[in-house]
Amino acid sequence: ERGLVEASRQIDGSMHRRIDRLTQRLADLVSGLEAAIEFGEDVDIDAPSPGEVSDLLNGIERLVSSYEIGRILREGMRVVLAGRPNVGKSSLMNALLGTERAIVTPVPGTTRDILEESLAIEGVAVRLIDTAGLAASSEPAEAAGIRRAEEALAAADVTVWVMDGSEPLRSEDAKAAALLTGRDPIVAVNKSDLPPRVSLEEIGRLLAAGDIGDATFVSLSAASGDGLGRLRDRMAEKVRQALASPSREPGVSVNLRQKEALQRAGSALRLALGTAEANGPLDCLLLDLRQALDALGEITGRVCREDILGRIFSRFCVGK
């Protein structure tokens, strides 16, 4: 339902109106700066201030940030179950889905490819992805599955790192945990129905050894179902956090092509901001602002030279 609402908002043109307003403000800065350079003696206008450029840049960045939120609402949030072999990832996937989707055996390496199913959390589609166990393998099919698992992990919105609480830590755990660098994983310590052989403190030290963000720990048993509710709650928190970006432009989401054009505009505006803050040459500032305007024009329709001249002659007493 939320995906449909978001799609309708995009269709109704609210996003284009926001980009068009930014384009018009930027075109005014460009025309004013061109007038100052070309007709300096005839016009009394200041160069764009750093604050003006910064305001435009902030507007661009808010729109760029809406891409990921829109993608999640359109395509679903990617939640990847990862970890070394035989820790119970497939059993956990089946437990979350309430159906025997993944094959489960005591033999490590049973899952050799990506398995994906959907469920809803907080009204948002979640793409639950089971992966092959992360470990070195010389067997071609298993090695290919591990490569796909690493690719899925790199593209994950949420990582659920599954560990076996009934066994001591292994070297494989440390090697696999290295792939969590820069992430804020949910650490699902599975098999709580069996006697514990590893503590949360030990797991915490393992994660602290790498550049890993804030981990959330959940003790659970995929076999008995104990702790599954807590895991769903943690996943729901991740969904809410993803959809509550403070920098998001409310009510809009851009697509990939629009995001890339906005990023080009943002890069040019960052250069312009540096020039404005340093009181740099006006022609350099103008070049950067023009590049930003051209990038926005890829979305709204280009502002041509005649448009800029028209703004100059309508706003300033030149050529009369």
C-alpha atoms as a PDB file:
ATOM      1  CA  GLU A   1       0.000   0.000   0.000  1.00  0.00           C
ATOM      2  CA  ARG A   2       2.767   2.450   0.900  1.00  0.00           C
ATOM      3  CA  GLY A   3       4.517   1.580  -2.360  1.00  0.00           C
ATOM      4  CA  LEU A   4       1.373   2.509  -4.308  1.00  0.00           C
ATOM      5  CA  VAL A   5       1.058   5.807  -2.442  1.00  0.00           C
ATOM      6  CA  GLU A   6       4.675   6.642  -3.193  1.00  0.00           C
ATOM      7  CA  ALA A   7       4.253   5.760  -6.863  1.00  0.00           C
ATOM      8  CA  SER A   8       1.172   7.980  -7.174  1.00  0.00           C
ATOM      9  CA  ARG A   9       3.030  10.870  -5.583  1.00  0.00           C
ATOM     10  CA  GLN A  10       5.771  10.534  -8.148  1.00  0.00           C
ATOM     11  CA  ILE A  11       3.267  10.363 -10.997  1.00  0.00           C
ATOM     12  CA  ASP A  12       1.398  13.492  -9.857  1.00  0.00           C
ATOM     13  CA  GLY A  13       4.429  15.633 -10.629  1.00  0.00           C
ATOM     14  CA  SER A  14       5.377  16.781  -7.139  1.00  0.00           C
ATOM     15  CA  MET A  15       8.957  15.701  -7.729  1.00  0.00           C
ATOM     16  CA  HIS A  16       9.156  17.564 -11.042  1.00  0.00           C
ATOM     17  CA  ARG A  17       7.751  20.694  -9.423  1.00  0.00           C
ATOM     18  CA  ARG A  18      10.471  20.618  -6.768  1.00  0.00           C
ATOM     19  CA  ILE A  19      13.210  20.117  -9.336  1.00  0.00           C
ATOM     20  CA  ASP A  20      11.715  22.839 -11.517  1.00  0.00           C
ATOM     21  CA  ARG A  21      11.798  25.296  -8.603  1.00  0.00           C
ATOM     22  CA  LEU A  22      15.466  24.493  -8.023  1.00  0.00           C
ATOM     23  CA  THR A  23      16.114  24.904 -11.746  1.00  0.00           C
ATOM     24  CA  GLN A  24      14.442  28.324 -11.818  1.00  0.00           C
ATOM     25  CA  ARG A  25      16.434  29.518  -8.796  1.00  0.00           C
ATOM     26  CA  LEU A  26      19.641  28.284 -10.373  1.00  0.00           C
ATOM     27  CA  ALA A  27      18.771  29.933 -13.701  1.00  0.00           C
ATOM     28  CA  ASP A  28      18.260  33.230 -11.850  1.00  0.00           C
ATOM     29  CA  LEU A  29      21.735  32.915 -10.304  1.00  0.00           C
ATOM     30  CA  VAL A  30      23.276  32.122 -13.689  1.00  0.00           C
ATOM     31  CA  SER A  31      21.532  35.016 -15.439  1.00  0.00           C
ATOM     32  CA  GLY A  32      22.470  37.438 -12.674  1.00  0.00           C
ATOM     33  CA  LEU A  33      26.091  36.338 -12.743  1.00  0.00           C
ATOM     34  CA  GLU A  34      26.252  36.555 -16.542  1.00  0.00           C
ATOM     35  CA  ALA A  35      24.803  40.063 -16.347  1.00  0.00           C
ATOM     36  CA  ALA A  36      27.404  41.049 -13.759  1.00  0.00           C
ATOM     37  CA  ILE A  37      30.215  39.711 -15.949  1.00  0.00           C
ATOM     38  CA  GLU A  38      28.963  41.005 -19.321  1.00  0.00           C
ATOM     39  CA  PHE A  39      27.404  44.291 -18.248  1.00  0.00           C
ATOM     40  CA  GLY A  40      29.222  45.066 -15.023  1.00  0.00           C
ATOM     41  CA  GLU A  41      29.034  48.840 -15.449  1.00  0.00           C
ATOM     42  CA  ASP A  42      25.325  48.800 -16.248  1.00  0.00           C
ATOM     43  CA  VAL A  43      23.994  46.517 -13.511  1.00  0.00           C
ATOM     44  CA  ASP A  44      24.241  46.568  -9.756  1.00  0.00           C
ATOM     45  CA  ILE A  45      24.189  42.936  -8.664  1.00  0.00           C
ATOM     46  CA  ASP A  46      26.269  40.908  -6.268  1.00  0.00           C
ATOM     47  CA  ALA A  47      27.755  37.535  -7.113  1.00  0.00           C
ATOM     48  CA  PRO A  48      25.844  34.558  -5.676  1.00  0.00           C
ATOM     49  CA  SER A  49      26.605  34.193  -1.987  1.00  0.00           C
ATOM     50  CA  PRO A  50      27.819  30.922  -0.458  1.00  0.00           C
ATOM     51  CA  GLY A  51      24.491  30.742   1.362  1.00  0.00           C
ATOM     52  CA  GLU A  52      22.512  30.859  -1.883  1.00  0.00           C
ATOM     53  CA  VAL A  53      24.635  28.132  -3.448  1.00  0.00           C
ATOM     54  CA  SER A  54      24.484  26.053  -0.270  1.00  0.00           C
ATOM     55  CA  ASP A  55      20.674  26.260  -0.161  1.00  0.00           C
ATOM     56  CA  LEU A  56      20.491  24.914  -3.707  1.00  0.00           C
ATOM     57  CA  LEU A  57      22.950  22.146  -2.895  1.00  0.00           C
ATOM     58  CA  ASN A  58      20.924  21.125   0.158  1.00  0.00           C
ATOM     59  CA  GLY A  59      17.792  20.902  -1.971  1.00  0.00           C
ATOM     60  CA  ILE A  60      19.605  18.711  -4.491  1.00  0.00           C
ATOM     61  CA  GLU A  61      20.959  16.411  -1.774  1.00  0.00           C
ATOM     62  CA  ARG A  62      17.501  15.947  -0.243  1.00  0.00           C
ATOM     63  CA  LEU A  63      16.181  14.810  -3.596  1.00  0.00           C
ATOM     64  CA  VAL A  64      19.117  12.443  -4.103  1.00  0.00           C
ATOM     65  CA  SER A  65      18.469  10.873  -0.695  1.00  0.00           C
ATOM     66  CA  SER A  66      14.893  10.124  -1.742  1.00  0.00           C
ATOM     67  CA  TYR A  67      16.129   7.633  -4.349  1.00  0.00           C
ATOM     68  CA  GLU A  68      16.980   4.882  -1.859  1.00  0.00           C
ATOM     69  CA  ILE A  69      13.692   5.321  -0.020  1.00  0.00           C
ATOM     70  CA  GLY A  70      11.741   5.229  -3.264  1.00  0.00           C
ATOM     71  CA  ARG A  71      13.661   2.154  -4.395  1.00  0.00           C
ATOM     72  CA  ILE A  72      12.802   0.369  -1.142  1.00  0.00           C
ATOM     73  CA  LEU A  73       9.113   1.206  -1.505  1.00  0.00           C
ATOM     74  CA  ARG A  74       9.044   0.208  -5.177  1.00  0.00           C
ATOM     75  CA  GLU A  75      11.254  -2.886  -5.119  1.00  0.00           C
ATOM     76  CA  GLY A  76      11.284  -3.992  -1.492  1.00  0.00           C
ATOM     77  CA  MET A  77      13.883  -3.836   1.248  1.00  0.00           C
ATOM     78  CA  ARG A  78      16.730  -6.321   0.770  1.00  0.00           C
ATOM     79  CA  VAL A  79      17.315  -8.286   3.991  1.00  0.00           C
ATOM     80  CA  VAL A  80      20.190 -10.737   3.602  1.00  0.00           C
ATOM     81  CA  LEU A  81      20.771 -13.716   5.901  1.00  0.00           C
ATOM     82  CA  ALA A  82      24.519 -14.348   5.964  1.00  0.00           C
ATOM     83  CA  GLY A  83      27.123 -16.209   7.972  1.00  0.00           C
ATOM     84  CA  ARG A  84      29.414 -19.220   7.831  1.00  0.00           C
ATOM     85  CA  PRO A  85      28.039 -22.617   6.732  1.00  0.00           C
ATOM     86  CA  ASN A  86      25.671 -24.646   8.896  1.00  0.00           C
ATOM     87  CA  VAL A  87      24.664 -21.950  11.402  1.00  0.00           C
ATOM     88  CA  GLY A  88      20.967 -22.242  10.515  1.00  0.00           C
ATOM     89  CA  LYS A  89      20.398 -19.504   7.922  1.00  0.00           C
ATOM     90  CA  SER A  90      18.013 -21.623   5.852  1.00  0.00           C
ATOM     91  CA  SER A  91      16.164 -22.809   8.958  1.00  0.00           C
ATOM     92  CA  LEU A  92      15.778 -19.189  10.025  1.00  0.00           C
ATOM     93  CA  MET A  93      14.443 -18.212   6.615  1.00  0.00           C
ATOM     94  CA  ASN A  94      11.855 -21.004   6.782  1.00  0.00           C
ATOM     95  CA  ALA A  95      10.871 -19.959  10.308  1.00  0.00           C
ATOM     96  CA  LEU A  96      10.396 -16.318   9.305  1.00  0.00           C
ATOM     97  CA  LEU A  97       8.339 -17.306   6.264  1.00  0.00           C
ATOM     98  CA  GLY A  98       6.356 -19.966   8.106  1.00  0.00           C
ATOM     99  CA  THR A  99       6.992 -22.432   5.283  1.00  0.00           C
ATOM    100  CA  GLU A 100       9.670 -24.902   4.175  1.00  0.00           C
ATOM    101  CA  ARG A 101      11.114 -22.755   1.393  1.00  0.00           C
ATOM    102  CA  ALA A 102      14.800 -23.615   1.837  1.00  0.00           C
ATOM    103  CA  ILE A 103      16.233 -27.136   1.979  1.00  0.00           C
ATOM    104  CA  VAL A 104      17.725 -27.861   5.393  1.00  0.00           C
ATOM    105  CA  THR A 105      20.225 -30.676   6.098  1.00  0.00           C
ATOM    106  CA  PRO A 106      23.013 -31.164   8.659  1.00  0.00           C
ATOM    107  CA  VAL A 107      25.541 -31.103   5.793  1.00  0.00           C
ATOM    108  CA  PRO A 108      27.432 -27.788   5.429  1.00  0.00           C
ATOM    109  CA  GLY A 109      27.104 -26.177   2.004  1.00  0.00           C
ATOM    110  CA  THR A 110      23.550 -27.374   1.293  1.00  0.00           C
ATOM    111  CA  THR A 111      22.553 -23.888   0.117  1.00  0.00           C
ATOM    112  CA  ARG A 112      24.616 -23.153  -2.988  1.00  0.00           C
ATOM    113  CA  ASP A 113      22.664 -20.328  -4.546  1.00  0.00           C
ATOM    114  CA  ILE A 114      20.586 -17.319  -3.589  1.00  0.00           C
ATOM    115  CA  LEU A 115      17.071 -18.041  -2.354  1.00  0.00           C
ATOM    116  CA  GLU A 116      14.662 -15.117  -2.186  1.00  0.00           C
ATOM    117  CA  GLU A 117      11.132 -14.769  -0.840  1.00  0.00           C
ATOM    118  CA  SER A 118       8.974 -11.799   0.146  1.00  0.00           C
ATOM    119  CA  LEU A 119       7.183 -10.884   3.329  1.00  0.00           C
ATOM    120  CA  ALA A 120       5.675  -7.646   4.636  1.00  0.00           C
ATOM    121  CA  ILE A 121       7.035  -5.677   7.585  1.00  0.00           C
ATOM    122  CA  GLU A 122       5.540  -2.324   8.618  1.00  0.00           C
ATOM    123  CA  GLY A 123       3.515  -2.377   5.390  1.00  0.00           C
ATOM    124  CA  VAL A 124       6.697  -2.518   3.297  1.00  0.00           C
ATOM    125  CA  ALA A 125       7.726  -5.448   1.109  1.00  0.00           C
ATOM    126  CA  VAL A 126      10.853  -7.151   2.433  1.00  0.00           C
ATOM    127  CA  ARG A 127      12.934  -9.324   0.127  1.00  0.00           C
ATOM    128  CA  LEU A 128      14.317 -11.996   2.439  1.00  0.00           C
ATOM    129  CA  ILE A 129      17.462 -13.482   0.896  1.00  0.00           C
ATOM    130  CA  ASP A 130      19.123 -16.698   2.050  1.00  0.00           C
ATOM    131  CA  THR A 131      22.744 -17.126   0.979  1.00  0.00           C
ATOM    132  CA  ALA A 132      25.385 -19.814   0.780  1.00  0.00           C
ATOM    133  CA  GLY A 133      27.637 -20.153   3.808  1.00  0.00           C
ATOM    134  CA  LEU A 134      30.639 -17.844   3.607  1.00  0.00           C
ATOM    135  CA  ALA A 135      33.746 -20.021   3.640  1.00  0.00           C
ATOM    136  CA  ALA A 136      36.619 -20.892   1.346  1.00  0.00           C
ATOM    137  CA  SER A 137      35.746 -23.659  -1.126  1.00  0.00           C
ATOM    138  CA  SER A 138      37.513 -25.330  -4.033  1.00  0.00           C
ATOM    139  CA  GLU A 139      34.298 -26.933  -5.271  1.00  0.00           C
ATOM    140  CA  PRO A 140      33.173 -24.833  -8.314  1.00  0.00           C
ATOM    141  CA  ALA A 141      29.420 -24.819  -7.636  1.00  0.00           C
ATOM    142  CA  GLU A 142      29.866 -23.984  -3.971  1.00  0.00           C
ATOM    143  CA  ALA A 143      32.458 -21.300  -4.757  1.00  0.00           C
ATOM    144  CA  ALA A 144      30.044 -19.712  -7.247  1.00  0.00           C
ATOM    145  CA  GLY A 145      27.339 -19.672  -4.571  1.00  0.00           C
ATOM    146  CA  ILE A 146      29.708 -17.977  -2.146  1.00  0.00           C
ATOM    147  CA  ARG A 147      30.504 -15.276  -4.719  1.00  0.00           C
ATOM    148  CA  ARG A 148      26.778 -14.640  -5.176  1.00  0.00           C
ATOM    149  CA  ALA A 149      26.379 -14.496  -1.409  1.00  0.00           C
ATOM    150  CA  GLU A 150      29.073 -11.828  -1.174  1.00  0.00           C
ATOM    151  CA  GLU A 151      27.389  -9.847  -3.969  1.00  0.00           C
ATOM    152  CA  ALA A 152      24.017 -10.062  -2.200  1.00  0.00           C
ATOM    153  CA  LEU A 153      25.634  -8.936   1.038  1.00  0.00           C
ATOM    154  CA  ALA A 154      27.195  -5.930  -0.692  1.00  0.00           C
ATOM    155  CA  ALA A 155      23.753  -4.878  -2.003  1.00  0.00           C
ATOM    156  CA  ALA A 156      21.860  -5.525   1.250  1.00  0.00           C
ATOM    157  CA  ASP A 157      19.761  -2.856   2.936  1.00  0.00           C
ATOM    158  CA  VAL A 158      19.792  -4.913   6.139  1.00  0.00           C
ATOM    159  CA  THR A 159      22.223  -7.666   7.091  1.00  0.00           C
ATOM    160  CA  VAL A 160      21.122 -10.399   9.479  1.00  0.00           C
ATOM    161  CA  TRP A 161      24.351 -12.072  10.568  1.00  0.00           C
ATOM    162  CA  VAL A 162      23.493 -15.587  11.735  1.00  0.00           C
ATOM    163  CA  MET A 163      25.765 -17.304  14.251  1.00  0.00           C
ATOM    164  CA  ASP A 164      25.564 -20.680  15.986  1.00  0.00           C
ATOM    165  CA  GLY A 165      25.356 -20.099  19.727  1.00  0.00           C
ATOM    166  CA  SER A 166      25.769 -23.813  20.449  1.00  0.00           C
ATOM    167  CA  GLU A 167      29.350 -23.920  19.134  1.00  0.00           C
ATOM    168  CA  PRO A 168      32.529 -21.993  20.003  1.00  0.00           C
ATOM    169  CA  LEU A 169      33.685 -19.336  17.558  1.00  0.00           C
ATOM    170  CA  ARG A 170      35.626 -20.632  14.570  1.00  0.00           C
ATOM    171  CA  SER A 171      38.182 -19.023  12.297  1.00  0.00           C
ATOM    172  CA  GLU A 172      35.468 -19.122   9.609  1.00  0.00           C
ATOM    173  CA  ASP A 173      33.353 -16.778  11.751  1.00  0.00           C
ATOM    174  CA  ALA A 174      36.146 -14.204  11.843  1.00  0.00           C
ATOM    175  CA  LYS A 175      36.761 -14.440   8.094  1.00  0.00           C
ATOM    176  CA  ALA A 176      33.069 -14.129   7.323  1.00  0.00           C
ATOM    177  CA  ALA A 177      32.632 -11.249   9.790  1.00  0.00           C
ATOM    178  CA  ALA A 178      35.219  -9.257   7.828  1.00  0.00           C
ATOM    179  CA  LEU A 179      32.482  -8.774   5.215  1.00  0.00           C
ATOM    180  CA  LEU A 180      30.459  -6.747   7.736  1.00  0.00           C
ATOM    181  CA  THR A 181      32.814  -3.778   7.506  1.00  0.00           C
ATOM    182  CA  GLY A 182      30.896  -0.502   7.586  1.00  0.00           C
ATOM    183  CA  ARG A 183      27.551  -2.148   8.356  1.00  0.00           C
ATOM    184  CA  ASP A 184      25.154  -2.074  11.318  1.00  0.00           C
ATOM    185  CA  PRO A 185      24.099  -5.726  11.346  1.00  0.00           C
ATOM    186  CA  ILE A 186      21.455  -7.574  13.266  1.00  0.00           C
ATOM    187  CA  VAL A 187      23.373 -10.445  14.872  1.00  0.00           C
ATOM    188  CA  ALA A 188      21.043 -13.434  15.208  1.00  0.00           C
ATOM    189  CA  VAL A 189      22.592 -15.905  17.660  1.00  0.00           C
ATOM    190  CA  ASN A 190      20.773 -19.078  16.653  1.00  0.00           C
ATOM    191  CA  LYS A 191      20.147 -22.410  18.443  1.00  0.00           C
ATOM    192  CA  SER A 192      19.243 -20.927  21.817  1.00  0.00           C
ATOM    193  CA  ASP A 193      17.405 -24.203  22.505  1.00  0.00           C
ATOM    194  CA  LEU A 194      20.818 -25.893  22.874  1.00  0.00           C
ATOM    195  CA  PRO A 195      23.429 -25.361  25.613  1.00  0.00           C
ATOM    196  CA  PRO A 196      25.350 -22.129  24.862  1.00  0.00           C
ATOM    197  CA  ARG A 197      29.004 -22.419  23.849  1.00  0.00           C
ATOM    198  CA  VAL A 198      29.706 -18.788  22.980  1.00  0.00           C
ATOM    199  CA  SER A 199      28.826 -15.546  24.793  1.00  0.00           C
ATOM    200  CA  LEU A 200      27.597 -12.252  23.394  1.00  0.00           C
ATOM    201  CA  GLU A 201      30.772 -10.683  24.805  1.00  0.00           C
ATOM    202  CA  GLU A 202      32.916 -13.009  22.667  1.00  0.00           C
ATOM    203  CA  ILE A 203      30.874 -12.206  19.584  1.00  0.00           C
ATOM    204  CA  GLY A 204      31.100  -8.496  20.410  1.00  0.00           C
ATOM    205  CA  ARG A 205      34.895  -8.708  20.588  1.00  0.00           C
ATOM    206  CA  LEU A 206      34.945 -10.484  17.231  1.00  0.00           C
ATOM    207  CA  LEU A 207      32.907  -7.699  15.641  1.00  0.00           C
ATOM    208  CA  ALA A 208      34.922  -4.980  17.386  1.00  0.00           C
ATOM    209  CA  ALA A 209      38.062  -6.310  15.704  1.00  0.00           C
ATOM    210  CA  GLY A 210      36.686  -5.058  12.378  1.00  0.00           C
ATOM    211  CA  ASP A 211      35.294  -1.711  11.231  1.00  0.00           C
ATOM    212  CA  ILE A 212      31.727  -2.740  12.017  1.00  0.00           C
ATOM    213  CA  GLY A 213      29.011  -0.323  13.085  1.00  0.00           C
ATOM    214  CA  ASP A 214      26.448  -0.714  15.841  1.00  0.00           C
ATOM    215  CA  ALA A 215      25.336  -4.335  16.009  1.00  0.00           C
ATOM    216  CA  THR A 216      21.969  -5.378  17.423  1.00  0.00           C
ATOM    217  CA  PHE A 217      21.959  -8.795  19.101  1.00  0.00           C
ATOM    218  CA  VAL A 218      19.036 -11.219  19.143  1.00  0.00           C
ATOM    219  CA  SER A 219      19.169 -14.646  20.768  1.00  0.00           C
ATOM    220  CA  LEU A 220      16.776 -17.059  19.077  1.00  0.00           C
ATOM    221  CA  SER A 221      16.000 -20.584  17.990  1.00  0.00           C
ATOM    222  CA  ALA A 222      14.851 -21.158  14.432  1.00  0.00           C
ATOM    223  CA  ALA A 223      13.878 -24.686  15.486  1.00  0.00           C
ATOM    224  CA  SER A 224      11.563 -23.738  18.373  1.00  0.00           C
ATOM    225  CA  GLY A 225      10.563 -20.263  17.236  1.00  0.00           C
ATOM    226  CA  ASP A 226      11.800 -18.632  20.435  1.00  0.00           C
ATOM    227  CA  GLY A 227      13.093 -15.121  19.743  1.00  0.00           C
ATOM    228  CA  LEU A 228      11.616 -14.824  16.234  1.00  0.00           C
ATOM    229  CA  GLY A 229       9.319 -12.031  17.414  1.00  0.00           C
ATOM    230  CA  ARG A 230      12.313 -10.084  18.698  1.00  0.00           C
ATOM    231  CA  LEU A 231      14.074 -10.547  15.364  1.00  0.00           C
ATOM    232  CA  ARG A 232      11.019  -9.272  13.483  1.00  0.00           C
ATOM    233  CA  ASP A 233      10.929  -6.262  15.823  1.00  0.00           C
ATOM    234  CA  ARG A 234      14.586  -5.480  15.048  1.00  0.00           C
ATOM    235  CA  MET A 235      13.896  -5.807  11.322  1.00  0.00           C
ATOM    236  CA  ALA A 236      10.900  -3.474  11.691  1.00  0.00           C
ATOM    237  CA  GLU A 237      13.159  -0.919  13.391  1.00  0.00           C
ATOM    238  CA  LYS A 238      15.508  -1.080  10.402  1.00  0.00           C
ATOM    239  CA  VAL A 239      12.577  -0.472   8.045  1.00  0.00           C
ATOM    240  CA  ARG A 240      11.431   2.552  10.054  1.00  0.00           C
ATOM    241  CA  GLN A 241      14.953   3.969  10.158  1.00  0.00           C
ATOM    242  CA  ALA A 242      15.360   3.582   6.394  1.00  0.00           C
ATOM    243  CA  LEU A 243      12.090   5.388   5.690  1.00  0.00           C
ATOM    244  CA  ALA A 244      12.677   8.192   8.189  1.00  0.00           C
ATOM    245  CA  SER A 245      15.758   9.817   6.664  1.00  0.00           C
ATOM    246  CA  PRO A 246      15.959  13.375   8.076  1.00  0.00           C
ATOM    247  CA  SER A 247      17.389  14.648   4.801  1.00  0.00           C
ATOM    248  CA  ARG A 248      14.623  13.189   2.682  1.00  0.00           C
ATOM    249  CA  GLU A 249      12.487  15.497   0.541  1.00  0.00           C
ATOM    250  CA  PRO A 250       8.991  14.544   1.768  1.00  0.00           C
ATOM    251  CA  GLY A 251       6.432  13.172  -0.662  1.00  0.00           C
ATOM    252  CA  VAL A 252       8.790  12.499  -3.571  1.00  0.00           C
ATOM    253  CA  SER A 253      11.182   9.857  -4.812  1.00  0.00           C
ATOM    254  CA  VAL A 254      13.426  10.055  -7.835  1.00  0.00           C
ATOM    255  CA  ASN A 255      14.344   7.245 -10.193  1.00  0.00           C
ATOM    256  CA  LEU A 256      17.875   6.138 -11.065  1.00  0.00           C
ATOM    257  CA  ARG A 257      18.272   8.383 -14.123  1.00  0.00           C
ATOM    258  CA  GLN A 258      17.043  11.407 -12.196  1.00  0.00           C
ATOM    259  CA  LYS A 259      19.290  10.562  -9.234  1.00  0.00           C
ATOM    260  CA  GLU A 260      22.355  10.427 -11.494  1.00  0.00           C
ATOM    261  CA  ALA A 261      21.504  13.803 -13.050  1.00  0.00           C
ATOM    262  CA  LEU A 262      20.952  15.288  -9.591  1.00  0.00           C
ATOM    263  CA  GLN A 263      24.292  13.900  -8.430  1.00  0.00           C
ATOM    264  CA  ARG A 264      26.027  15.614 -11.355  1.00  0.00           C
ATOM    265  CA  ALA A 265      24.281  18.853 -10.449  1.00  0.00           C
ATOM    266  CA  GLY A 266      25.343  18.403  -6.830  1.00  0.00           C
ATOM    267  CA  SER A 267      28.981  17.833  -7.809  1.00  0.00           C
ATOM    268  CA  ALA A 268      28.997  21.040  -9.845  1.00  0.00           C
ATOM    269  CA  LEU A 269      27.336  22.982  -7.019  1.00  0.00           C
ATOM    270  CA  ARG A 270      29.925  21.752  -4.528  1.00  0.00           C
ATOM    271  CA  LEU A 271      32.631  23.185  -6.782  1.00  0.00           C
ATOM    272  CA  ALA A 272      30.648  26.414  -7.084  1.00  0.00           C
ATOM    273  CA  LEU A 273      30.271  26.590  -3.316  1.00  0.00           C
ATOM    274  CA  GLY A 274      34.026  26.272  -2.858  1.00  0.00           C
ATOM    275  CA  THR A 275      34.609  29.075  -5.369  1.00  0.00           C
ATOM    276  CA  ALA A 276      31.994  31.307  -3.741  1.00  0.00           C
ATOM    277  CA  GLU A 277      33.431  30.744  -0.264  1.00  0.00           C
ATOM    278  CA  ALA A 278      36.927  31.580  -1.511  1.00  0.00           C
ATOM    279  CA  ASN A 279      35.732  34.675  -3.424  1.00  0.00           C
ATOM    280  CA  GLY A 280      37.152  33.012  -6.525  1.00  0.00           C
ATOM    281  CA  PRO A 281      36.906  34.174 -10.147  1.00  0.00           C
ATOM    282  CA  LEU A 282      33.378  34.869 -11.309  1.00  0.00           C
ATOM    283  CA  ASP A 283      33.912  33.080 -14.615  1.00  0.00           C
ATOM    284  CA  CYS A 284      34.849  29.877 -12.741  1.00  0.00           C
ATOM    285  CA  LEU A 285      31.774  30.233 -10.543  1.00  0.00           C
ATOM    286  CA  LEU A 286      29.623  30.756 -13.629  1.00  0.00           C
ATOM    287  CA  LEU A 287      31.043  27.654 -15.313  1.00  0.00           C
ATOM    288  CA  ASP A 288      30.153  25.457 -12.332  1.00  0.00           C
ATOM    289  CA  LEU A 289      26.659  26.929 -12.019  1.00  0.00           C
ATOM    290  CA  ARG A 290      26.051  26.380 -15.738  1.00  0.00           C
ATOM    291  CA  GLN A 291      27.107  22.743 -15.418  1.00  0.00           C
ATOM    292  CA  ALA A 292      24.682  22.287 -12.537  1.00  0.00           C
ATOM    293  CA  LEU A 293      21.925  23.921 -14.587  1.00  0.00           C
ATOM    294  CA  ASP A 294      22.649  21.645 -17.552  1.00  0.00           C
ATOM    295  CA  ALA A 295      22.405  18.582 -15.300  1.00  0.00           C
ATOM    296  CA  LEU A 296      19.017  19.668 -13.936  1.00  0.00           C
ATOM    297  CA  GLY A 297      17.945  20.409 -17.493  1.00  0.00           C
ATOM    298  CA  GLU A 298      18.296  16.709 -18.287  1.00  0.00           C
ATOM    299  CA  ILE A 299      15.272  16.193 -16.038  1.00  0.00           C
ATOM    300  CA  THR A 300      13.154  19.290 -16.600  1.00  0.00           C
ATOM    301  CA  GLY A 301      14.200  20.313 -20.110  1.00  0.00           C
ATOM    302  CA  ARG A 302      17.295  22.333 -20.821  1.00  0.00           C
ATOM    303  CA  VAL A 303      17.446  26.043 -20.055  1.00  0.00           C
ATOM    304  CA  CYS A 304      18.916  27.339 -23.315  1.00  0.00           C
ATOM    305  CA  ARG A 305      21.032  30.410 -23.986  1.00  0.00           C
ATOM    306  CA  GLU A 306      17.977  32.345 -25.154  1.00  0.00           C
ATOM    307  CA  ASP A 307      16.245  31.648 -21.834  1.00  0.00           C
ATOM    308  CA  ILE A 308      19.194  33.075 -19.906  1.00  0.00           C
ATOM    309  CA  LEU A 309      19.349  36.148 -22.147  1.00  0.00           C
ATOM    310  CA  GLY A 310      15.622  36.643 -21.714  1.00  0.00           C
ATOM    311  CA  ARG A 311      16.050  36.597 -17.950  1.00  0.00           C
ATOM    312  CA  ILE A 312      18.893  39.098 -18.165  1.00  0.00           C
ATOM    313  CA  PHE A 313      16.938  41.582 -20.257  1.00  0.00           C
ATOM    314  CA  SER A 314      13.765  41.174 -18.210  1.00  0.00           C
ATOM    315  CA  ARG A 315      15.527  41.659 -14.850  1.00  0.00           C
ATOM    316  CA  PHE A 316      18.185  44.247 -15.647  1.00  0.00           C
ATOM    317  CA  CYS A 317      18.270  47.497 -17.576  1.00  0.00           C
ATOM    318  CA  VAL A 318      20.845  46.502 -20.166  1.00  0.00           C
ATOM    319  CA  GLY A 319      20.916  46.955 -23.894  1.00  0.00           C
ATOM    320  CA  LYS A 320      18.243  49.662 -23.732  1.00  0.00           C
END
